[in-house]
Amino acid sequence: MNVREWLDGRSERERQLVYLAAGVACVALLFVVLVLPFRALNHRMEARVDKKSSDLAWMRQVAPQLSAAAASLHLQGTGESLVVVVNRTARQAGLGAALRDQSPDGKQGLRLRLESAPFDAMVTWLASLQQQYGVSIDAATVDGAKPGLVNASLTLSRPTAG
């Protein structure tokens, strides 16, 4: 016996109840399949934005302290040129593959481009350059490439070791 025959054997009221139950089941299934995954994704994205916002607020709060501390420290290093420091530290930070187009910018400056670089790794790398080597970011242009990745054009400089 198939479903059609079974339905034909039911009274009109029972058939309406079966159709109503089937409709409710379809709506519930669509909700579970389509709506719930998007809601979960939305909650994860909101949590990520909240985390990044709190990180940014913290960075803004400690930036003046770090700048003051960096100004009072002597430059580290073994007399390496800015190009060598940038190349070595970028590779250590996992940005070697993203590093492109380095060119001198004046006596103590360097222009470079990062392509498809992980944003978090780039920010951490730039902070370590500033803190450990006294490298300043004179200009920066950062554009999103893919989620979590950026393209950046940077102009860096470092005062001469005294």
N, C-alpha and C. Protein backbone atom coordinates (compact mmCIF):
# COMPACT_ATOMS: atom_id res chain seq x y z
N MET A 1 0.85 -1.17 0.00
CA MET A 1 0.00 0.00 0.00
C MET A 1 0.89 1.24 0.00
N ASN A 2 0.66 2.15 -0.95
CA ASN A 2 1.47 3.36 -0.98
C ASN A 2 0.79 4.49 -0.22
N VAL A 3 1.46 5.61 -0.12
CA VAL A 3 0.98 6.74 0.67
C VAL A 3 -0.31 7.29 0.09
N ARG A 4 -0.42 7.33 -1.22
CA ARG A 4 -1.63 7.87 -1.86
C ARG A 4 -2.86 7.04 -1.49
N GLU A 5 -2.71 5.74 -1.56
CA GLU A 5 -3.83 4.86 -1.20
C GLU A 5 -4.18 5.01 0.28
N TRP A 6 -3.15 5.11 1.09
CA TRP A 6 -3.39 5.27 2.53
C TRP A 6 -4.14 6.57 2.81
N LEU A 7 -3.74 7.66 2.13
CA LEU A 7 -4.42 8.95 2.32
C LEU A 7 -5.86 8.88 1.82
N ASP A 8 -6.07 8.22 0.70
CA ASP A 8 -7.43 8.10 0.15
C ASP A 8 -8.35 7.35 1.11
N GLY A 9 -7.78 6.47 1.92
CA GLY A 9 -8.56 5.71 2.88
C GLY A 9 -8.88 6.50 4.15
N ARG A 10 -8.39 7.71 4.27
CA ARG A 10 -8.63 8.54 5.45
C ARG A 10 -9.79 9.50 5.18
N SER A 11 -10.38 9.96 6.27
CA SER A 11 -11.45 10.95 6.13
C SER A 11 -10.83 12.29 5.75
N GLU A 12 -11.67 13.20 5.27
CA GLU A 12 -11.21 14.53 4.85
C GLU A 12 -10.48 15.24 5.99
N ARG A 13 -11.01 15.17 7.19
CA ARG A 13 -10.39 15.84 8.35
C ARG A 13 -9.01 15.24 8.66
N GLU A 14 -8.87 13.93 8.60
CA GLU A 14 -7.59 13.29 8.85
C GLU A 14 -6.56 13.67 7.79
N ARG A 15 -7.02 13.74 6.52
CA ARG A 15 -6.11 14.16 5.44
C ARG A 15 -5.61 15.58 5.67
N GLN A 16 -6.50 16.48 6.09
CA GLN A 16 -6.09 17.86 6.35
C GLN A 16 -5.08 17.91 7.48
N LEU A 17 -5.28 17.10 8.51
CA LEU A 17 -4.33 17.05 9.62
C LEU A 17 -2.97 16.51 9.15
N VAL A 18 -2.99 15.49 8.28
CA VAL A 18 -1.74 14.94 7.76
C VAL A 18 -1.02 16.00 6.92
N TYR A 19 -1.75 16.72 6.06
CA TYR A 19 -1.15 17.77 5.23
C TYR A 19 -0.58 18.89 6.11
N LEU A 20 -1.31 19.27 7.14
CA LEU A 20 -0.86 20.31 8.05
C LEU A 20 0.41 19.86 8.77
N ALA A 21 0.42 18.63 9.26
CA ALA A 21 1.60 18.10 9.95
C ALA A 21 2.80 18.04 8.99
N ALA A 22 2.58 17.65 7.75
CA ALA A 22 3.66 17.60 6.76
C ALA A 22 4.19 19.00 6.49
N GLY A 23 3.29 19.97 6.39
CA GLY A 23 3.72 21.36 6.16
C GLY A 23 4.55 21.89 7.32
N VAL A 24 4.11 21.61 8.55
CA VAL A 24 4.86 22.05 9.73
C VAL A 24 6.23 21.37 9.76
N ALA A 25 6.27 20.08 9.42
CA ALA A 25 7.54 19.35 9.39
C ALA A 25 8.49 19.95 8.35
N CYS A 26 7.96 20.33 7.17
CA CYS A 26 8.79 20.93 6.12
C CYS A 26 9.34 22.28 6.57
N VAL A 27 8.49 23.10 7.18
CA VAL A 27 8.95 24.41 7.67
C VAL A 27 10.02 24.22 8.74
N ALA A 28 9.81 23.28 9.66
CA ALA A 28 10.80 23.01 10.71
C ALA A 28 12.11 22.53 10.10
N LEU A 29 12.03 21.66 9.10
CA LEU A 29 13.24 21.16 8.44
C LEU A 29 13.99 22.30 7.75
N LEU A 30 13.26 23.17 7.04
CA LEU A 30 13.90 24.32 6.38
C LEU A 30 14.57 25.22 7.41
N PHE A 31 13.92 25.43 8.54
CA PHE A 31 14.49 26.26 9.59
C PHE A 31 15.79 25.65 10.10
N VAL A 32 15.77 24.35 10.35
CA VAL A 32 16.95 23.68 10.88
C VAL A 32 18.08 23.67 9.85
N VAL A 33 17.74 23.48 8.59
CA VAL A 33 18.76 23.35 7.55
C VAL A 33 19.28 24.72 7.09
N LEU A 34 18.41 25.72 6.98
CA LEU A 34 18.82 27.00 6.43
C LEU A 34 19.09 28.09 7.47
N VAL A 35 18.24 28.23 8.43
CA VAL A 35 18.33 29.37 9.34
C VAL A 35 19.34 29.14 10.47
N LEU A 36 19.29 28.00 11.11
CA LEU A 36 20.17 27.75 12.26
C LEU A 36 21.66 27.85 11.92
N PRO A 37 22.13 27.30 10.80
CA PRO A 37 23.56 27.45 10.48
C PRO A 37 23.97 28.91 10.31
N PHE A 38 23.11 29.72 9.69
CA PHE A 38 23.44 31.13 9.52
C PHE A 38 23.45 31.87 10.85
N ARG A 39 22.55 31.52 11.73
CA ARG A 39 22.54 32.15 13.05
C ARG A 39 23.80 31.79 13.82
N ALA A 40 24.22 30.54 13.75
CA ALA A 40 25.45 30.12 14.44
C ALA A 40 26.66 30.85 13.86
N LEU A 41 26.72 30.95 12.54
CA LEU A 41 27.80 31.68 11.89
C LEU A 41 27.79 33.14 12.31
N ASN A 42 26.63 33.73 12.36
CA ASN A 42 26.51 35.13 12.78
C ASN A 42 27.02 35.32 14.20
N HIS A 43 26.67 34.41 15.10
CA HIS A 43 27.14 34.51 16.49
C HIS A 43 28.66 34.38 16.57
N ARG A 44 29.23 33.47 15.77
CA ARG A 44 30.70 33.32 15.78
C ARG A 44 31.37 34.58 15.25
N MET A 45 30.80 35.15 14.19
CA MET A 45 31.39 36.37 13.62
C MET A 45 31.27 37.55 14.59
N GLU A 46 30.14 37.66 15.28
CA GLU A 46 29.98 38.72 16.27
C GLU A 46 31.00 38.56 17.39
N ALA A 47 31.23 37.34 17.83
CA ALA A 47 32.21 37.09 18.89
C ALA A 47 33.61 37.46 18.41
N ARG A 48 33.91 37.15 17.16
CA ARG A 48 35.23 37.50 16.61
C ARG A 48 35.41 39.01 16.52
N VAL A 49 34.38 39.71 16.07
CA VAL A 49 34.45 41.17 15.99
C VAL A 49 34.62 41.77 17.39
N ASP A 50 33.89 41.24 18.37
CA ASP A 50 34.03 41.72 19.75
C ASP A 50 35.46 41.51 20.25
N LYS A 51 36.03 40.34 19.95
CA LYS A 51 37.41 40.04 20.39
C LYS A 51 38.39 40.99 19.72
N LYS A 52 38.23 41.20 18.43
CA LYS A 52 39.15 42.09 17.71
C LYS A 52 38.98 43.53 18.19
N SER A 53 37.76 43.94 18.51
CA SER A 53 37.52 45.30 19.03
C SER A 53 38.18 45.49 20.38
N SER A 54 38.08 44.49 21.24
CA SER A 54 38.73 44.60 22.55
C SER A 54 40.25 44.59 22.39
N ASP A 55 40.78 43.80 21.44
CA ASP A 55 42.22 43.81 21.18
C ASP A 55 42.67 45.20 20.70
N LEU A 56 41.89 45.79 19.81
CA LEU A 56 42.21 47.12 19.29
C LEU A 56 42.19 48.15 20.41
N ALA A 57 41.18 48.09 21.26
CA ALA A 57 41.10 49.03 22.39
C ALA A 57 42.33 48.88 23.29
N TRP A 58 42.73 47.64 23.56
CA TRP A 58 43.90 47.40 24.39
C TRP A 58 45.16 47.95 23.71
N MET A 59 45.29 47.71 22.39
CA MET A 59 46.46 48.21 21.67
C MET A 59 46.53 49.73 21.72
N ARG A 60 45.40 50.37 21.56
CA ARG A 60 45.37 51.84 21.63
C ARG A 60 45.73 52.32 23.02
N GLN A 61 45.35 51.57 24.03
CA GLN A 61 45.63 51.95 25.40
C GLN A 61 47.13 51.85 25.71
N VAL A 62 47.78 50.79 25.25
CA VAL A 62 49.19 50.59 25.59
C VAL A 62 50.15 51.21 24.58
N ALA A 63 49.66 51.70 23.46
CA ALA A 63 50.53 52.26 22.43
C ALA A 63 51.39 53.41 22.96
N PRO A 64 50.83 54.38 23.69
CA PRO A 64 51.69 55.46 24.20
C PRO A 64 52.79 54.94 25.13
N GLN A 65 52.46 53.96 25.95
CA GLN A 65 53.46 53.40 26.86
C GLN A 65 54.57 52.71 26.08
N LEU A 66 54.19 51.97 25.06
CA LEU A 66 55.18 51.27 24.25
C LEU A 66 56.06 52.25 23.49
N SER A 67 55.46 53.31 22.98
CA SER A 67 56.24 54.31 22.25
C SER A 67 57.25 54.98 23.18
N ALA A 68 56.80 55.31 24.39
CA ALA A 68 57.71 55.92 25.35
C ALA A 68 58.83 54.96 25.73
N ALA A 69 58.49 53.70 25.93
CA ALA A 69 59.51 52.71 26.29
C ALA A 69 60.49 52.50 25.14
N ALA A 70 60.00 52.46 23.93
CA ALA A 70 60.87 52.26 22.78
C ALA A 70 61.81 53.43 22.59
N ALA A 71 61.32 54.64 22.87
CA ALA A 71 62.17 55.82 22.72
C ALA A 71 63.30 55.81 23.74
N SER A 72 63.06 55.22 24.90
CA SER A 72 64.08 55.23 25.94
C SER A 72 65.06 54.07 25.81
N LEU A 73 64.75 53.08 25.01
CA LEU A 73 65.64 51.93 24.83
C LEU A 73 66.68 52.21 23.75
N HIS A 74 67.82 51.59 23.88
CA HIS A 74 68.81 51.65 22.81
C HIS A 74 68.41 50.65 21.73
N LEU A 75 68.77 50.97 20.51
CA LEU A 75 68.43 50.06 19.41
C LEU A 75 69.21 48.77 19.56
N GLN A 76 68.50 47.66 19.37
CA GLN A 76 69.16 46.36 19.38
C GLN A 76 69.74 46.09 18.01
N GLY A 77 70.51 45.07 17.93
CA GLY A 77 71.00 44.65 16.62
C GLY A 77 72.51 44.66 16.58
N THR A 78 73.03 44.20 15.49
CA THR A 78 74.47 44.10 15.32
C THR A 78 74.91 45.02 14.19
N GLY A 79 74.23 46.15 14.04
CA GLY A 79 74.58 47.05 12.95
C GLY A 79 74.02 46.59 11.62
N GLU A 80 73.04 45.70 11.64
CA GLU A 80 72.44 45.22 10.39
C GLU A 80 71.67 46.35 9.72
N SER A 81 71.67 46.32 8.41
CA SER A 81 70.89 47.31 7.67
C SER A 81 69.39 47.02 7.85
N LEU A 82 68.60 48.03 7.57
CA LEU A 82 67.15 47.88 7.69
C LEU A 82 66.63 46.78 6.77
N VAL A 83 67.20 46.66 5.59
CA VAL A 83 66.77 45.63 4.64
C VAL A 83 67.00 44.23 5.23
N VAL A 84 68.15 44.04 5.84
CA VAL A 84 68.48 42.74 6.42
C VAL A 84 67.57 42.44 7.60
N VAL A 85 67.35 43.44 8.46
CA VAL A 85 66.48 43.26 9.63
C VAL A 85 65.06 42.91 9.17
N VAL A 86 64.55 43.63 8.19
CA VAL A 86 63.20 43.39 7.69
C VAL A 86 63.08 42.00 7.09
N ASN A 87 64.03 41.62 6.25
CA ASN A 87 63.99 40.29 5.64
C ASN A 87 64.03 39.18 6.69
N ARG A 88 64.96 39.28 7.61
CA ARG A 88 65.14 38.23 8.62
C ARG A 88 63.92 38.12 9.52
N THR A 89 63.46 39.25 10.03
CA THR A 89 62.33 39.21 10.97
C THR A 89 61.03 38.84 10.27
N ALA A 90 60.87 39.24 9.02
CA ALA A 90 59.65 38.86 8.28
C ALA A 90 59.59 37.34 8.10
N ARG A 91 60.71 36.74 7.78
CA ARG A 91 60.75 35.28 7.63
C ARG A 91 60.49 34.59 8.97
N GLN A 92 61.06 35.12 10.04
CA GLN A 92 60.83 34.55 11.37
C GLN A 92 59.35 34.66 11.77
N ALA A 93 58.69 35.73 11.32
CA ALA A 93 57.27 35.94 11.65
C ALA A 93 56.34 35.18 10.71
N GLY A 94 56.90 34.44 9.75
CA GLY A 94 56.07 33.68 8.82
C GLY A 94 55.54 34.51 7.66
N LEU A 95 56.19 35.65 7.41
CA LEU A 95 55.73 36.55 6.34
C LEU A 95 56.67 36.55 5.14
N GLY A 96 57.62 35.66 5.12
CA GLY A 96 58.60 35.64 4.03
C GLY A 96 57.97 35.50 2.66
N ALA A 97 56.97 34.64 2.54
CA ALA A 97 56.33 34.43 1.24
C ALA A 97 55.49 35.63 0.81
N ALA A 98 55.06 36.44 1.76
CA ALA A 98 54.22 37.60 1.44
C ALA A 98 55.04 38.84 1.11
N LEU A 99 56.32 38.85 1.45
CA LEU A 99 57.19 40.02 1.28
C LEU A 99 57.53 40.24 -0.19
N ARG A 100 57.24 41.43 -0.69
CA ARG A 100 57.46 41.76 -2.10
C ARG A 100 58.04 43.17 -2.23
N ASP A 101 58.66 43.45 -3.34
CA ASP A 101 59.02 44.79 -3.80
C ASP A 101 59.65 45.67 -2.72
N GLN A 102 60.85 45.35 -2.29
CA GLN A 102 61.56 46.21 -1.36
C GLN A 102 62.42 47.19 -2.14
N SER A 103 62.37 48.45 -1.72
CA SER A 103 63.21 49.45 -2.36
C SER A 103 63.58 50.51 -1.33
N PRO A 104 64.79 51.08 -1.45
CA PRO A 104 65.22 52.10 -0.49
C PRO A 104 64.34 53.34 -0.59
N ASP A 105 64.19 54.00 0.55
CA ASP A 105 63.43 55.24 0.61
C ASP A 105 64.26 56.23 1.42
N GLY A 106 65.13 56.96 0.74
CA GLY A 106 66.02 57.87 1.43
C GLY A 106 67.17 57.10 2.05
N LYS A 107 67.86 57.76 3.00
CA LYS A 107 69.05 57.17 3.60
C LYS A 107 68.73 56.04 4.58
N GLN A 108 67.69 56.21 5.38
CA GLN A 108 67.38 55.23 6.42
C GLN A 108 66.00 54.60 6.23
N GLY A 109 65.38 54.74 5.06
CA GLY A 109 64.03 54.24 4.84
C GLY A 109 63.98 53.05 3.90
N LEU A 110 62.84 52.38 3.94
CA LEU A 110 62.62 51.22 3.09
C LEU A 110 61.15 51.15 2.74
N ARG A 111 60.86 51.03 1.47
CA ARG A 111 59.48 50.79 1.01
C ARG A 111 59.35 49.32 0.68
N LEU A 112 58.22 48.73 1.09
CA LEU A 112 58.00 47.33 0.78
C LEU A 112 56.52 47.07 0.63
N ARG A 113 56.24 45.91 0.07
CA ARG A 113 54.86 45.49 -0.15
C ARG A 113 54.70 44.08 0.39
N LEU A 114 53.58 43.86 1.08
CA LEU A 114 53.20 42.53 1.54
C LEU A 114 51.93 42.14 0.78
N GLU A 115 51.90 40.94 0.25
CA GLU A 115 50.73 40.46 -0.48
C GLU A 115 50.19 39.20 0.19
N SER A 116 48.88 39.20 0.43
CA SER A 116 48.19 38.07 1.08
C SER A 116 48.89 37.67 2.37
N ALA A 117 49.17 38.67 3.19
CA ALA A 117 49.82 38.44 4.48
C ALA A 117 48.76 38.28 5.56
N PRO A 118 48.95 37.35 6.48
CA PRO A 118 48.02 37.24 7.61
C PRO A 118 48.07 38.52 8.44
N PHE A 119 46.92 39.14 8.64
CA PHE A 119 46.86 40.44 9.31
C PHE A 119 47.46 40.39 10.71
N ASP A 120 47.08 39.40 11.49
CA ASP A 120 47.58 39.31 12.87
C ASP A 120 49.09 39.16 12.90
N ALA A 121 49.64 38.34 12.01
CA ALA A 121 51.09 38.14 11.96
C ALA A 121 51.79 39.43 11.54
N MET A 122 51.19 40.18 10.60
CA MET A 122 51.80 41.43 10.15
C MET A 122 51.85 42.45 11.28
N VAL A 123 50.76 42.60 12.02
CA VAL A 123 50.71 43.56 13.12
C VAL A 123 51.72 43.19 14.20
N THR A 124 51.80 41.91 14.53
CA THR A 124 52.76 41.44 15.53
C THR A 124 54.19 41.71 15.06
N TRP A 125 54.45 41.44 13.79
CA TRP A 125 55.77 41.67 13.22
C TRP A 125 56.15 43.14 13.27
N LEU A 126 55.22 44.01 12.85
CA LEU A 126 55.51 45.45 12.87
C LEU A 126 55.75 45.95 14.29
N ALA A 127 54.99 45.43 15.24
CA ALA A 127 55.20 45.82 16.64
C ALA A 127 56.57 45.39 17.12
N SER A 128 57.00 44.18 16.76
CA SER A 128 58.32 43.72 17.20
C SER A 128 59.43 44.52 16.52
N LEU A 129 59.24 44.90 15.26
CA LEU A 129 60.23 45.75 14.59
C LEU A 129 60.38 47.07 15.34
N GLN A 130 59.26 47.63 15.74
CA GLN A 130 59.31 48.92 16.45
C GLN A 130 59.94 48.76 17.82
N GLN A 131 59.53 47.74 18.56
CA GLN A 131 60.01 47.57 19.93
C GLN A 131 61.47 47.13 19.98
N GLN A 132 61.87 46.20 19.14
CA GLN A 132 63.20 45.63 19.25
C GLN A 132 64.26 46.37 18.43
N TYR A 133 63.84 47.02 17.33
CA TYR A 133 64.82 47.62 16.44
C TYR A 133 64.60 49.12 16.22
N GLY A 134 63.59 49.69 16.86
CA GLY A 134 63.33 51.12 16.71
C GLY A 134 62.84 51.51 15.34
N VAL A 135 62.28 50.57 14.61
CA VAL A 135 61.78 50.85 13.26
C VAL A 135 60.46 51.60 13.36
N SER A 136 60.35 52.68 12.62
CA SER A 136 59.12 53.47 12.59
C SER A 136 58.35 53.17 11.32
N ILE A 137 57.04 53.21 11.43
CA ILE A 137 56.18 53.07 10.26
C ILE A 137 55.83 54.49 9.82
N ASP A 138 56.43 54.93 8.72
CA ASP A 138 56.20 56.29 8.24
C ASP A 138 54.91 56.40 7.45
N ALA A 139 54.57 55.36 6.71
CA ALA A 139 53.34 55.35 5.92
C ALA A 139 52.89 53.90 5.75
N ALA A 140 51.58 53.72 5.74
CA ALA A 140 51.04 52.37 5.57
C ALA A 140 49.70 52.45 4.86
N THR A 141 49.52 51.58 3.90
CA THR A 141 48.24 51.40 3.24
C THR A 141 47.94 49.92 3.30
N VAL A 142 46.79 49.57 3.91
CA VAL A 142 46.44 48.17 4.09
C VAL A 142 45.06 47.93 3.48
N ASP A 143 44.97 46.93 2.62
CA ASP A 143 43.71 46.56 1.97
C ASP A 143 43.44 45.09 2.23
N GLY A 144 42.18 44.75 2.44
CA GLY A 144 41.81 43.35 2.65
C GLY A 144 41.97 42.57 1.36
N ALA A 145 42.53 41.37 1.47
CA ALA A 145 42.67 40.50 0.31
C ALA A 145 41.61 39.40 0.39
N LYS A 146 41.71 38.58 1.39
CA LYS A 146 40.75 37.52 1.68
C LYS A 146 40.51 37.60 3.18
N PRO A 147 39.54 36.90 3.71
CA PRO A 147 39.33 36.95 5.15
C PRO A 147 40.60 36.59 5.92
N GLY A 148 41.05 37.53 6.76
CA GLY A 148 42.25 37.32 7.56
C GLY A 148 43.55 37.67 6.87
N LEU A 149 43.51 37.94 5.55
CA LEU A 149 44.71 38.27 4.79
C LEU A 149 44.62 39.69 4.26
N VAL A 150 45.77 40.36 4.16
CA VAL A 150 45.79 41.74 3.67
C VAL A 150 46.93 41.93 2.69
N ASN A 151 46.77 42.97 1.88
CA ASN A 151 47.85 43.48 1.04
C ASN A 151 48.23 44.81 1.68
N ALA A 152 49.53 45.05 1.86
CA ALA A 152 49.96 46.26 2.53
C ALA A 152 51.16 46.86 1.81
N SER A 153 51.14 48.20 1.70
CA SER A 153 52.30 48.95 1.23
C SER A 153 52.80 49.73 2.43
N LEU A 154 54.08 49.55 2.77
CA LEU A 154 54.64 50.14 3.99
C LEU A 154 55.88 50.94 3.64
N THR A 155 56.07 52.02 4.37
CA THR A 155 57.33 52.76 4.34
C THR A 155 57.86 52.74 5.77
N LEU A 156 59.02 52.12 5.94
CA LEU A 156 59.62 51.97 7.25
C LEU A 156 60.91 52.76 7.31
N SER A 157 61.28 53.20 8.51
CA SER A 157 62.57 53.88 8.68
C SER A 157 63.11 53.57 10.07
N ARG A 158 64.41 53.77 10.21
CA ARG A 158 65.06 53.54 11.49
C ARG A 158 66.15 54.59 11.64
N PRO A 159 66.16 55.23 12.79
CA PRO A 159 67.22 56.23 12.99
C PRO A 159 68.58 55.53 13.06
N THR A 160 69.60 56.27 12.73
CA THR A 160 70.94 55.69 12.78
C THR A 160 71.31 55.40 14.22
N ALA A 161 71.96 54.27 14.42
CA ALA A 161 72.42 53.92 15.78
C ALA A 161 73.51 54.89 16.17
N GLY A 162 73.39 55.42 17.39
CA GLY A 162 74.31 56.47 17.80
C GLY A 162 75.45 55.94 18.52
